Amino acid sequence: MASKKTGARLQVALKCSECGNLIRPTFKNTKNTTDKLELNKYCPTCGKTTVFKEQKIGK
């Protein structure tokens, strides 16, 4: 499989604010979104909807 050129996009993971599990790897456009992502998502570990905060994935 050919790898995509990401350009201004960074791969980030979303971390649950309740239990701290790193799940949901996603891409973020740094030109449009300069601050950290905070999204409400369902956490299967907690069993409820919580705030997920951006965590960088190191390569």
N, C-alpha and C. Protein backbone atom coordinates (compact mmCIF):
# COMPACT_ATOMS: atom_id res chain seq x y z
N MET A 1 0.82 -1.17 0.00
CA MET A 1 0.00 0.00 0.00
C MET A 1 0.87 1.24 0.00
N ALA A 2 0.49 2.20 -0.78
CA ALA A 2 1.24 3.45 -0.85
C ALA A 2 0.85 4.33 0.32
N SER A 3 1.82 5.01 0.91
CA SER A 3 1.52 5.91 2.02
C SER A 3 1.08 7.26 1.49
N LYS A 4 0.15 7.87 2.21
CA LYS A 4 -0.35 9.18 1.82
C LYS A 4 0.57 10.27 2.30
N LYS A 5 0.66 11.35 1.55
CA LYS A 5 1.38 12.53 2.01
C LYS A 5 0.42 13.32 2.88
N THR A 6 0.83 13.61 4.10
CA THR A 6 -0.07 14.26 5.02
C THR A 6 0.01 15.78 4.98
N GLY A 7 1.15 16.35 4.63
CA GLY A 7 1.27 17.80 4.54
C GLY A 7 1.07 18.48 5.87
N ALA A 8 -0.03 19.22 6.01
CA ALA A 8 -0.30 19.97 7.23
C ALA A 8 -1.02 19.14 8.27
N ARG A 9 -1.26 17.88 8.00
CA ARG A 9 -2.00 17.04 8.93
C ARG A 9 -1.06 16.25 9.83
N LEU A 10 -1.43 16.19 11.11
CA LEU A 10 -0.70 15.41 12.10
C LEU A 10 -1.60 14.31 12.62
N GLN A 11 -1.03 13.15 12.92
CA GLN A 11 -1.80 12.09 13.51
C GLN A 11 -1.81 12.29 15.01
N VAL A 12 -2.99 12.33 15.59
CA VAL A 12 -3.14 12.50 17.03
C VAL A 12 -4.06 11.41 17.56
N ALA A 13 -3.96 11.13 18.84
CA ALA A 13 -4.86 10.20 19.51
C ALA A 13 -5.73 11.00 20.46
N LEU A 14 -6.90 10.50 20.74
CA LEU A 14 -7.78 11.15 21.69
C LEU A 14 -7.74 10.37 23.00
N LYS A 15 -7.53 11.10 24.10
CA LYS A 15 -7.38 10.49 25.42
C LYS A 15 -8.60 10.82 26.27
N CYS A 16 -9.18 9.82 26.89
CA CYS A 16 -10.34 10.00 27.75
C CYS A 16 -9.94 10.77 29.01
N SER A 17 -10.72 11.78 29.36
CA SER A 17 -10.40 12.58 30.55
C SER A 17 -10.77 11.86 31.84
N GLU A 18 -11.64 10.85 31.77
CA GLU A 18 -12.07 10.12 32.96
C GLU A 18 -11.10 8.98 33.32
N CYS A 19 -10.91 8.05 32.37
CA CYS A 19 -10.10 6.86 32.67
C CYS A 19 -8.67 6.96 32.13
N GLY A 20 -8.41 7.84 31.16
CA GLY A 20 -7.06 8.05 30.66
C GLY A 20 -6.64 7.11 29.54
N ASN A 21 -7.56 6.33 29.01
CA ASN A 21 -7.20 5.42 27.91
C ASN A 21 -7.02 6.19 26.61
N LEU A 22 -5.96 5.85 25.88
CA LEU A 22 -5.71 6.43 24.57
C LEU A 22 -6.43 5.59 23.52
N ILE A 23 -7.41 6.19 22.89
CA ILE A 23 -8.12 5.51 21.82
C ILE A 23 -8.40 6.51 20.71
N ARG A 24 -9.00 6.05 19.66
CA ARG A 24 -9.44 6.85 18.54
C ARG A 24 -8.32 7.65 17.88
N PRO A 25 -7.37 7.00 17.23
CA PRO A 25 -6.37 7.76 16.48
C PRO A 25 -7.04 8.48 15.31
N THR A 26 -6.67 9.73 15.07
CA THR A 26 -7.28 10.54 14.04
C THR A 26 -6.26 11.53 13.51
N PHE A 27 -6.60 12.22 12.45
CA PHE A 27 -5.74 13.24 11.87
C PHE A 27 -6.31 14.62 12.15
N LYS A 28 -5.41 15.60 12.34
CA LYS A 28 -5.82 16.97 12.63
C LYS A 28 -5.10 17.89 11.67
N ASN A 29 -5.81 18.81 11.05
CA ASN A 29 -5.21 19.80 10.17
C ASN A 29 -4.69 20.94 11.03
N THR A 30 -3.38 21.15 11.06
CA THR A 30 -2.78 22.15 11.94
C THR A 30 -2.98 23.57 11.42
N LYS A 31 -3.27 23.74 10.14
CA LYS A 31 -3.52 25.08 9.62
C LYS A 31 -4.88 25.60 10.05
N ASN A 32 -5.89 24.74 10.08
CA ASN A 32 -7.24 25.15 10.45
C ASN A 32 -7.47 25.10 11.96
N THR A 33 -6.90 24.12 12.62
CA THR A 33 -7.11 23.92 14.06
C THR A 33 -5.78 24.05 14.77
N THR A 34 -5.50 25.23 15.29
CA THR A 34 -4.21 25.45 15.95
C THR A 34 -4.22 25.04 17.41
N ASP A 35 -5.38 25.07 18.07
CA ASP A 35 -5.45 24.68 19.47
C ASP A 35 -5.72 23.17 19.58
N LYS A 36 -5.68 22.65 20.79
CA LYS A 36 -5.87 21.22 21.01
C LYS A 36 -7.34 20.85 20.85
N LEU A 37 -7.56 19.64 20.33
CA LEU A 37 -8.92 19.15 20.13
C LEU A 37 -9.52 18.71 21.45
N GLU A 38 -10.80 18.99 21.65
CA GLU A 38 -11.57 18.47 22.76
C GLU A 38 -12.93 18.09 22.22
N LEU A 39 -13.21 16.79 22.21
CA LEU A 39 -14.44 16.28 21.64
C LEU A 39 -15.17 15.41 22.64
N ASN A 40 -16.51 15.42 22.58
CA ASN A 40 -17.32 14.52 23.38
C ASN A 40 -17.52 13.23 22.59
N LYS A 41 -17.01 12.12 23.11
CA LYS A 41 -17.12 10.82 22.47
C LYS A 41 -17.50 9.77 23.50
N TYR A 42 -18.00 8.63 23.01
CA TYR A 42 -18.32 7.52 23.89
C TYR A 42 -17.06 6.73 24.21
N CYS A 43 -16.81 6.48 25.48
CA CYS A 43 -15.67 5.68 25.92
C CYS A 43 -16.17 4.29 26.31
N PRO A 44 -15.72 3.24 25.60
CA PRO A 44 -16.19 1.90 25.93
C PRO A 44 -15.68 1.40 27.29
N THR A 45 -14.55 1.92 27.77
CA THR A 45 -14.02 1.51 29.07
C THR A 45 -14.86 2.09 30.21
N CYS A 46 -15.20 3.38 30.10
CA CYS A 46 -16.02 4.02 31.13
C CYS A 46 -17.49 3.65 30.99
N GLY A 47 -17.92 3.42 29.76
CA GLY A 47 -19.32 3.10 29.51
C GLY A 47 -20.22 4.31 29.43
N LYS A 48 -19.62 5.49 29.16
CA LYS A 48 -20.42 6.71 29.05
C LYS A 48 -19.72 7.70 28.14
N THR A 49 -20.41 8.77 27.83
CA THR A 49 -19.86 9.82 26.99
C THR A 49 -19.01 10.75 27.84
N THR A 50 -17.75 10.95 27.43
CA THR A 50 -16.83 11.80 28.17
C THR A 50 -16.09 12.72 27.21
N VAL A 51 -15.33 13.64 27.77
CA VAL A 51 -14.52 14.56 26.97
C VAL A 51 -13.21 13.86 26.61
N PHE A 52 -12.87 13.88 25.33
CA PHE A 52 -11.61 13.33 24.86
C PHE A 52 -10.72 14.48 24.45
N LYS A 53 -9.47 14.47 24.93
CA LYS A 53 -8.52 15.53 24.64
C LYS A 53 -7.41 15.00 23.74
N GLU A 54 -6.83 15.90 22.96
CA GLU A 54 -5.77 15.53 22.01
C GLU A 54 -4.51 15.10 22.72
N GLN A 55 -3.89 14.04 22.21
CA GLN A 55 -2.60 13.56 22.69
C GLN A 55 -1.78 13.22 21.45
N LYS A 56 -0.57 13.75 21.34
CA LYS A 56 0.24 13.49 20.16
C LYS A 56 0.75 12.06 20.15
N ILE A 57 0.85 11.49 18.94
CA ILE A 57 1.40 10.16 18.75
C ILE A 57 2.83 10.31 18.25
N GLY A 58 3.79 9.80 18.98
CA GLY A 58 5.18 9.91 18.59
C GLY A 58 5.57 8.86 17.56
N LYS A 59 6.37 9.27 16.57
CA LYS A 59 6.85 8.32 15.57
C LYS A 59 8.35 8.40 15.47
